[in-house]
Amino acid sequence: MAKKKGKQKQSAFRKYIRVLWGIFLLGVTGIIVLFGGAALGIFGPMPDLQQLENPRTNLATQIISSDGTILGKYYFDDNRTPIGFDEIPTDMVEALIATEDERFYDHAGIDWRGTLRAFVFLGKRGGASTITQQLARQIFVGVS
């Protein structure tokens, strides 16, 4: 009787291990299919490296008040002067990071804490988008 119980426990344990391996392999396969599909252009065309390094935007500059009201929009098609990153004042870069992605230096493009918070509270307590994700959305989807 004790032998039979031991075999049943061992059989149940093996089933759990097989299920866990199945879930793991399914996840790995899903990731491979997702990245492979993106590389093959199944989800749409991928921008080339030049476009990723130098995104062109034709968005108007908006002046927004502290209560969220748009005070004005300015669009200068031919009167914009492109500058390099090293020419942008450090305080401006730090201000952008402080307002858009406070943990910018702590993650590699995806803020898991922000993503989890947005998921749990359905986006009512802040979004999950980092500066990197906002750039990718503008380049790939074209929506700001």
N, C-alpha and C. Protein backbone atom coordinates (compact mmCIF):
# COMPACT_ATOMS: atom_id res chain seq x y z
N MET A 1 0.82 -1.19 0.00
CA MET A 1 0.00 0.00 0.00
C MET A 1 0.87 1.26 0.00
N ALA A 2 1.95 1.25 0.80
CA ALA A 2 2.85 2.39 0.87
C ALA A 2 3.55 2.59 -0.47
N LYS A 3 3.89 1.48 -1.14
CA LYS A 3 4.53 1.58 -2.46
C LYS A 3 3.60 2.22 -3.47
N LYS A 4 2.33 1.85 -3.40
CA LYS A 4 1.35 2.38 -4.35
C LYS A 4 1.17 3.89 -4.15
N LYS A 5 1.14 4.32 -2.87
CA LYS A 5 1.01 5.74 -2.57
C LYS A 5 2.22 6.51 -3.07
N GLY A 6 3.40 5.96 -2.89
CA GLY A 6 4.63 6.60 -3.34
C GLY A 6 4.65 6.74 -4.86
N LYS A 7 4.18 5.74 -5.57
CA LYS A 7 4.13 5.80 -7.03
C LYS A 7 3.11 6.83 -7.50
N GLN A 8 2.00 6.95 -6.77
CA GLN A 8 0.99 7.95 -7.13
C GLN A 8 1.55 9.36 -6.95
N LYS A 9 2.27 9.59 -5.85
CA LYS A 9 2.88 10.90 -5.62
C LYS A 9 3.90 11.21 -6.70
N GLN A 10 4.71 10.20 -7.04
CA GLN A 10 5.72 10.39 -8.08
C GLN A 10 5.08 10.66 -9.43
N SER A 11 3.98 9.99 -9.72
CA SER A 11 3.27 10.19 -10.97
C SER A 11 2.67 11.60 -11.03
N ALA A 12 2.08 12.05 -9.93
CA ALA A 12 1.51 13.40 -9.88
C ALA A 12 2.61 14.45 -10.04
N PHE A 13 3.76 14.21 -9.38
CA PHE A 13 4.88 15.15 -9.49
C PHE A 13 5.37 15.24 -10.93
N ARG A 14 5.46 14.11 -11.60
CA ARG A 14 5.89 14.11 -13.01
C ARG A 14 4.90 14.85 -13.89
N LYS A 15 3.62 14.73 -13.60
CA LYS A 15 2.61 15.47 -14.36
C LYS A 15 2.81 16.97 -14.20
N TYR A 16 3.05 17.41 -12.97
CA TYR A 16 3.29 18.84 -12.73
C TYR A 16 4.52 19.33 -13.47
N ILE A 17 5.57 18.53 -13.44
CA ILE A 17 6.81 18.91 -14.13
C ILE A 17 6.55 19.01 -15.63
N ARG A 18 5.83 18.06 -16.19
CA ARG A 18 5.51 18.10 -17.62
C ARG A 18 4.67 19.32 -17.97
N VAL A 19 3.69 19.66 -17.13
CA VAL A 19 2.86 20.83 -17.37
C VAL A 19 3.72 22.10 -17.33
N LEU A 20 4.59 22.20 -16.33
CA LEU A 20 5.45 23.37 -16.23
C LEU A 20 6.38 23.48 -17.44
N TRP A 21 6.96 22.37 -17.87
CA TRP A 21 7.81 22.39 -19.08
C TRP A 21 6.99 22.79 -20.30
N GLY A 22 5.76 22.30 -20.38
CA GLY A 22 4.90 22.65 -21.50
C GLY A 22 4.61 24.15 -21.53
N ILE A 23 4.31 24.73 -20.38
CA ILE A 23 4.05 26.16 -20.30
C ILE A 23 5.30 26.94 -20.69
N PHE A 24 6.45 26.51 -20.17
CA PHE A 24 7.70 27.19 -20.48
C PHE A 24 7.99 27.14 -21.98
N LEU A 25 7.88 25.96 -22.59
CA LEU A 25 8.16 25.82 -24.02
C LEU A 25 7.15 26.58 -24.87
N LEU A 26 5.90 26.62 -24.43
CA LEU A 26 4.89 27.39 -25.14
C LEU A 26 5.23 28.88 -25.10
N GLY A 27 5.67 29.35 -23.94
CA GLY A 27 6.07 30.75 -23.82
C GLY A 27 7.26 31.09 -24.70
N VAL A 28 8.28 30.23 -24.70
CA VAL A 28 9.47 30.46 -25.53
C VAL A 28 9.08 30.45 -27.01
N THR A 29 8.24 29.51 -27.39
CA THR A 29 7.78 29.44 -28.78
C THR A 29 7.00 30.69 -29.16
N GLY A 30 6.15 31.15 -28.25
CA GLY A 30 5.39 32.37 -28.51
C GLY A 30 6.29 33.58 -28.72
N ILE A 31 7.32 33.70 -27.90
CA ILE A 31 8.26 34.82 -28.04
C ILE A 31 9.01 34.73 -29.37
N ILE A 32 9.44 33.53 -29.74
CA ILE A 32 10.14 33.34 -31.01
C ILE A 32 9.23 33.70 -32.18
N VAL A 33 7.98 33.28 -32.12
CA VAL A 33 7.03 33.59 -33.19
C VAL A 33 6.77 35.09 -33.25
N LEU A 34 6.63 35.74 -32.10
CA LEU A 34 6.38 37.17 -32.05
C LEU A 34 7.53 37.96 -32.67
N PHE A 35 8.76 37.68 -32.24
CA PHE A 35 9.91 38.40 -32.78
C PHE A 35 10.19 38.02 -34.24
N GLY A 36 10.00 36.76 -34.57
CA GLY A 36 10.18 36.33 -35.96
C GLY A 36 9.17 36.99 -36.87
N GLY A 37 7.91 37.06 -36.42
CA GLY A 37 6.88 37.72 -37.20
C GLY A 37 7.16 39.20 -37.40
N ALA A 38 7.67 39.85 -36.35
CA ALA A 38 8.02 41.26 -36.48
C ALA A 38 9.18 41.44 -37.46
N ALA A 39 10.17 40.56 -37.37
CA ALA A 39 11.32 40.66 -38.28
C ALA A 39 10.92 40.41 -39.73
N LEU A 40 9.94 39.56 -39.96
CA LEU A 40 9.47 39.27 -41.32
C LEU A 40 8.46 40.30 -41.82
N GLY A 41 8.05 41.22 -40.96
CA GLY A 41 7.12 42.27 -41.37
C GLY A 41 5.66 41.88 -41.34
N ILE A 42 5.34 40.83 -40.62
CA ILE A 42 3.95 40.38 -40.54
C ILE A 42 3.07 41.44 -39.87
N PHE A 43 3.63 42.15 -38.89
CA PHE A 43 2.87 43.15 -38.15
C PHE A 43 2.99 44.54 -38.76
N GLY A 44 3.58 44.64 -39.91
CA GLY A 44 3.78 45.91 -40.57
C GLY A 44 5.27 46.12 -40.85
N PRO A 45 5.59 47.11 -41.66
CA PRO A 45 6.99 47.32 -42.02
C PRO A 45 7.79 47.87 -40.84
N MET A 46 9.03 47.45 -40.76
CA MET A 46 9.94 47.95 -39.73
C MET A 46 10.69 49.14 -40.30
N PRO A 47 10.86 50.20 -39.50
CA PRO A 47 11.65 51.34 -39.99
C PRO A 47 13.12 50.97 -40.08
N ASP A 48 13.84 51.61 -40.98
CA ASP A 48 15.26 51.33 -41.08
C ASP A 48 16.01 52.05 -39.96
N LEU A 49 17.26 51.70 -39.78
CA LEU A 49 18.08 52.23 -38.70
C LEU A 49 18.20 53.75 -38.78
N GLN A 50 18.31 54.30 -39.98
CA GLN A 50 18.42 55.75 -40.15
C GLN A 50 17.18 56.46 -39.59
N GLN A 51 16.01 55.90 -39.84
CA GLN A 51 14.77 56.50 -39.34
C GLN A 51 14.69 56.38 -37.82
N LEU A 52 15.18 55.28 -37.26
CA LEU A 52 15.17 55.12 -35.81
C LEU A 52 16.12 56.10 -35.13
N GLU A 53 17.27 56.32 -35.74
CA GLU A 53 18.25 57.23 -35.15
C GLU A 53 17.87 58.69 -35.32
N ASN A 54 17.17 59.02 -36.39
CA ASN A 54 16.80 60.41 -36.68
C ASN A 54 15.32 60.50 -37.03
N PRO A 55 14.45 60.32 -36.03
CA PRO A 55 13.02 60.37 -36.34
C PRO A 55 12.61 61.77 -36.78
N ARG A 56 11.78 61.85 -37.80
CA ARG A 56 11.27 63.14 -38.28
C ARG A 56 9.83 63.25 -37.80
N THR A 57 9.55 64.31 -37.15
CA THR A 57 8.17 64.54 -36.71
C THR A 57 7.66 65.81 -37.36
N ASN A 58 6.42 65.79 -37.70
CA ASN A 58 5.80 66.99 -38.25
C ASN A 58 4.69 67.47 -37.32
N LEU A 59 4.90 67.23 -36.04
CA LEU A 59 3.92 67.63 -35.05
C LEU A 59 4.08 69.10 -34.70
N ALA A 60 2.98 69.73 -34.41
CA ALA A 60 3.02 71.12 -33.98
C ALA A 60 3.48 71.19 -32.53
N THR A 61 4.17 72.26 -32.19
CA THR A 61 4.54 72.50 -30.80
C THR A 61 3.31 73.07 -30.10
N GLN A 62 2.96 72.49 -28.95
CA GLN A 62 1.80 72.94 -28.21
C GLN A 62 2.24 73.64 -26.93
N ILE A 63 1.58 74.74 -26.61
CA ILE A 63 1.78 75.42 -25.34
C ILE A 63 0.57 75.08 -24.49
N ILE A 64 0.82 74.39 -23.36
CA ILE A 64 -0.27 73.89 -22.51
C ILE A 64 -0.16 74.53 -21.13
N SER A 65 -1.29 75.02 -20.62
CA SER A 65 -1.31 75.64 -19.29
C SER A 65 -1.29 74.56 -18.21
N SER A 66 -1.16 74.97 -16.95
CA SER A 66 -1.07 74.02 -15.85
C SER A 66 -2.37 73.24 -15.65
N ASP A 67 -3.50 73.77 -16.11
CA ASP A 67 -4.76 73.03 -15.98
C ASP A 67 -5.06 72.16 -17.20
N GLY A 68 -4.12 72.06 -18.12
CA GLY A 68 -4.27 71.18 -19.27
C GLY A 68 -4.88 71.82 -20.50
N THR A 69 -5.19 73.09 -20.45
CA THR A 69 -5.79 73.78 -21.59
C THR A 69 -4.70 74.13 -22.61
N ILE A 70 -4.97 73.84 -23.87
CA ILE A 70 -4.02 74.18 -24.93
C ILE A 70 -4.15 75.66 -25.23
N LEU A 71 -3.06 76.39 -25.00
CA LEU A 71 -3.07 77.83 -25.23
C LEU A 71 -2.75 78.19 -26.67
N GLY A 72 -2.02 77.34 -27.33
CA GLY A 72 -1.68 77.61 -28.72
C GLY A 72 -0.89 76.47 -29.33
N LYS A 73 -0.93 76.42 -30.66
CA LYS A 73 -0.16 75.43 -31.42
C LYS A 73 0.67 76.18 -32.44
N TYR A 74 1.90 75.79 -32.56
CA TYR A 74 2.80 76.45 -33.49
C TYR A 74 3.44 75.39 -34.38
N TYR A 75 3.36 75.62 -35.66
CA TYR A 75 3.93 74.67 -36.61
C TYR A 75 4.81 75.44 -37.58
N PHE A 76 6.07 75.12 -37.57
CA PHE A 76 7.03 75.79 -38.44
C PHE A 76 7.64 74.73 -39.35
N ASP A 77 7.06 74.58 -40.52
CA ASP A 77 7.52 73.54 -41.44
C ASP A 77 8.95 73.77 -41.91
N ASP A 78 9.24 74.98 -42.33
CA ASP A 78 10.57 75.25 -42.88
C ASP A 78 11.46 76.02 -41.94
N ASN A 79 10.97 76.39 -40.78
CA ASN A 79 11.72 77.26 -39.89
C ASN A 79 12.21 76.52 -38.64
N ARG A 80 12.46 75.24 -38.74
CA ARG A 80 12.99 74.47 -37.62
C ARG A 80 14.48 74.24 -37.86
N THR A 81 15.21 74.30 -36.78
CA THR A 81 16.65 74.10 -36.87
C THR A 81 17.01 72.81 -36.14
N PRO A 82 17.41 71.78 -36.87
CA PRO A 82 17.79 70.54 -36.18
C PRO A 82 19.11 70.74 -35.42
N ILE A 83 19.15 70.19 -34.21
CA ILE A 83 20.37 70.25 -33.42
C ILE A 83 20.69 68.86 -32.92
N GLY A 84 21.92 68.65 -32.56
CA GLY A 84 22.35 67.37 -32.02
C GLY A 84 22.02 67.25 -30.55
N PHE A 85 22.05 66.04 -30.05
CA PHE A 85 21.72 65.79 -28.65
C PHE A 85 22.66 66.56 -27.72
N ASP A 86 23.93 66.65 -28.09
CA ASP A 86 24.90 67.33 -27.23
C ASP A 86 24.66 68.84 -27.17
N GLU A 87 23.83 69.38 -28.05
CA GLU A 87 23.52 70.80 -28.05
C GLU A 87 22.29 71.14 -27.19
N ILE A 88 21.56 70.14 -26.75
CA ILE A 88 20.39 70.36 -25.91
C ILE A 88 20.87 70.62 -24.49
N PRO A 89 20.38 71.67 -23.83
CA PRO A 89 20.80 71.94 -22.45
C PRO A 89 20.48 70.77 -21.53
N THR A 90 21.40 70.45 -20.65
CA THR A 90 21.24 69.33 -19.71
C THR A 90 19.98 69.50 -18.87
N ASP A 91 19.69 70.72 -18.45
CA ASP A 91 18.49 70.95 -17.64
C ASP A 91 17.21 70.59 -18.39
N MET A 92 17.19 70.81 -19.70
CA MET A 92 16.01 70.48 -20.49
C MET A 92 15.84 68.96 -20.58
N VAL A 93 16.94 68.26 -20.76
CA VAL A 93 16.89 66.79 -20.82
C VAL A 93 16.40 66.25 -19.48
N GLU A 94 16.95 66.75 -18.38
CA GLU A 94 16.55 66.29 -17.06
C GLU A 94 15.09 66.65 -16.75
N ALA A 95 14.62 67.80 -17.22
CA ALA A 95 13.21 68.18 -17.03
C ALA A 95 12.29 67.22 -17.78
N LEU A 96 12.66 66.86 -18.99
CA LEU A 96 11.87 65.90 -19.76
C LEU A 96 11.81 64.55 -19.05
N ILE A 97 12.95 64.10 -18.59
CA ILE A 97 13.00 62.81 -17.88
C ILE A 97 12.17 62.86 -16.61
N ALA A 98 12.26 63.96 -15.87
CA ALA A 98 11.52 64.10 -14.62
C ALA A 98 10.01 64.08 -14.84
N THR A 99 9.54 64.66 -15.93
CA THR A 99 8.09 64.74 -16.17
C THR A 99 7.55 63.52 -16.91
N GLU A 100 8.35 62.89 -17.74
CA GLU A 100 7.84 61.81 -18.58
C GLU A 100 8.20 60.40 -18.11
N ASP A 101 9.32 60.25 -17.41
CA ASP A 101 9.80 58.90 -17.09
C ASP A 101 10.76 58.97 -15.90
N GLU A 102 10.19 59.06 -14.70
CA GLU A 102 11.02 59.29 -13.51
C GLU A 102 12.02 58.17 -13.23
N ARG A 103 11.78 56.97 -13.69
CA ARG A 103 12.72 55.87 -13.48
C ARG A 103 13.52 55.56 -14.76
N PHE A 104 13.73 56.57 -15.60
CA PHE A 104 14.41 56.42 -16.89
C PHE A 104 15.76 55.71 -16.76
N TYR A 105 16.52 56.07 -15.74
CA TYR A 105 17.86 55.50 -15.58
C TYR A 105 17.84 54.13 -14.91
N ASP A 106 16.67 53.67 -14.47
CA ASP A 106 16.57 52.40 -13.75
C ASP A 106 16.05 51.25 -14.59
N HIS A 107 15.67 51.49 -15.83
CA HIS A 107 15.14 50.41 -16.67
C HIS A 107 15.76 50.49 -18.06
N ALA A 108 15.50 49.47 -18.85
CA ALA A 108 16.08 49.40 -20.19
C ALA A 108 15.04 49.64 -21.27
N GLY A 109 14.07 50.50 -21.01
CA GLY A 109 13.08 50.83 -22.02
C GLY A 109 11.67 50.46 -21.64
N ILE A 110 11.50 49.50 -20.73
CA ILE A 110 10.18 49.10 -20.25
C ILE A 110 10.20 49.18 -18.73
N ASP A 111 9.32 50.00 -18.18
CA ASP A 111 9.21 50.17 -16.73
C ASP A 111 8.18 49.17 -16.22
N TRP A 112 8.67 48.06 -15.66
CA TRP A 112 7.77 46.99 -15.24
C TRP A 112 6.86 47.43 -14.10
N ARG A 113 7.34 48.27 -13.19
CA ARG A 113 6.49 48.77 -12.11
C ARG A 113 5.35 49.60 -12.67
N GLY A 114 5.64 50.48 -13.61
CA GLY A 114 4.60 51.30 -14.23
C GLY A 114 3.63 50.46 -15.04
N THR A 115 4.14 49.45 -15.73
CA THR A 115 3.29 48.56 -16.52
C THR A 115 2.34 47.79 -15.61
N LEU A 116 2.88 47.26 -14.51
CA LEU A 116 2.05 46.51 -13.56
C LEU A 116 0.99 47.43 -12.93
N ARG A 117 1.39 48.65 -12.56
CA ARG A 117 0.45 49.62 -11.97
C ARG A 117 -0.67 49.94 -12.96
N ALA A 118 -0.31 50.19 -14.22
CA ALA A 118 -1.31 50.52 -15.23
C ALA A 118 -2.26 49.34 -15.46
N PHE A 119 -1.71 48.13 -15.40
CA PHE A 119 -2.52 46.93 -15.59
C PHE A 119 -3.49 46.74 -14.42
N VAL A 120 -2.99 46.87 -13.20
CA VAL A 120 -3.82 46.64 -12.02
C VAL A 120 -4.92 47.69 -11.89
N PHE A 121 -4.59 48.96 -12.14
CA PHE A 121 -5.56 50.04 -11.97
C PHE A 121 -6.19 50.47 -13.29
N LEU A 122 -6.02 49.66 -14.34
CA LEU A 122 -6.62 49.92 -15.65
C LEU A 122 -6.28 51.30 -16.20
N GLY A 123 -5.05 51.77 -15.94
CA GLY A 123 -4.58 53.03 -16.45
C GLY A 123 -5.09 54.26 -15.72
N LYS A 124 -5.82 54.08 -14.63
CA LYS A 124 -6.39 55.23 -13.91
C LYS A 124 -5.37 55.90 -12.99
N ARG A 125 -4.28 55.25 -12.66
CA ARG A 125 -3.25 55.84 -11.81
C ARG A 125 -1.95 56.00 -12.58
N GLY A 126 -2.06 56.46 -13.78
CA GLY A 126 -0.87 56.69 -14.60
C GLY A 126 -0.68 55.60 -15.62
N GLY A 127 -0.04 55.98 -16.70
CA GLY A 127 0.22 55.03 -17.76
C GLY A 127 1.51 54.27 -17.53
N ALA A 128 1.84 53.44 -18.47
CA ALA A 128 3.04 52.63 -18.34
C ALA A 128 4.08 53.01 -19.37
N SER A 129 3.82 54.06 -20.13
CA SER A 129 4.73 54.35 -21.24
C SER A 129 5.96 55.11 -20.77
N THR A 130 7.10 54.62 -21.20
CA THR A 130 8.38 55.28 -20.94
C THR A 130 8.70 56.16 -22.14
N ILE A 131 9.75 56.94 -22.02
CA ILE A 131 10.16 57.77 -23.15
C ILE A 131 10.47 56.88 -24.35
N THR A 132 11.10 55.75 -24.10
CA THR A 132 11.43 54.81 -25.17
C THR A 132 10.16 54.28 -25.84
N GLN A 133 9.16 53.93 -25.05
CA GLN A 133 7.91 53.41 -25.60
C GLN A 133 7.16 54.50 -26.37
N GLN A 134 7.22 55.74 -25.88
CA GLN A 134 6.57 56.83 -26.60
C GLN A 134 7.22 57.06 -27.96
N LEU A 135 8.54 56.99 -28.01
CA LEU A 135 9.25 57.14 -29.29
C LEU A 135 8.88 56.01 -30.24
N ALA A 136 8.87 54.79 -29.73
CA ALA A 136 8.52 53.64 -30.58
C ALA A 136 7.10 53.78 -31.10
N ARG A 137 6.19 54.24 -30.27
CA ARG A 137 4.81 54.43 -30.73
C ARG A 137 4.73 55.47 -31.82
N GLN A 138 5.45 56.57 -31.66
CA GLN A 138 5.44 57.61 -32.71
C GLN A 138 6.01 57.08 -34.02
N ILE A 139 7.09 56.31 -33.92
CA ILE A 139 7.73 55.82 -35.15
C ILE A 139 6.92 54.72 -35.81
N PHE A 140 6.44 53.75 -35.02
CA PHE A 140 5.76 52.59 -35.60
C PHE A 140 4.29 52.84 -35.89
N VAL A 141 3.61 53.55 -34.99
CA VAL A 141 2.16 53.73 -35.14
C VAL A 141 1.83 55.10 -35.69
N GLY A 142 2.67 56.09 -35.38
CA GLY A 142 2.43 57.44 -35.86
C GLY A 142 1.47 58.22 -35.01
N VAL A 143 1.24 57.76 -33.80
CA VAL A 143 0.31 58.42 -32.88
C VAL A 143 1.11 58.93 -31.71
N SER A 144 0.83 60.16 -31.29
CA SER A 144 1.56 60.70 -30.15
C SER A 144 0.86 60.41 -28.85
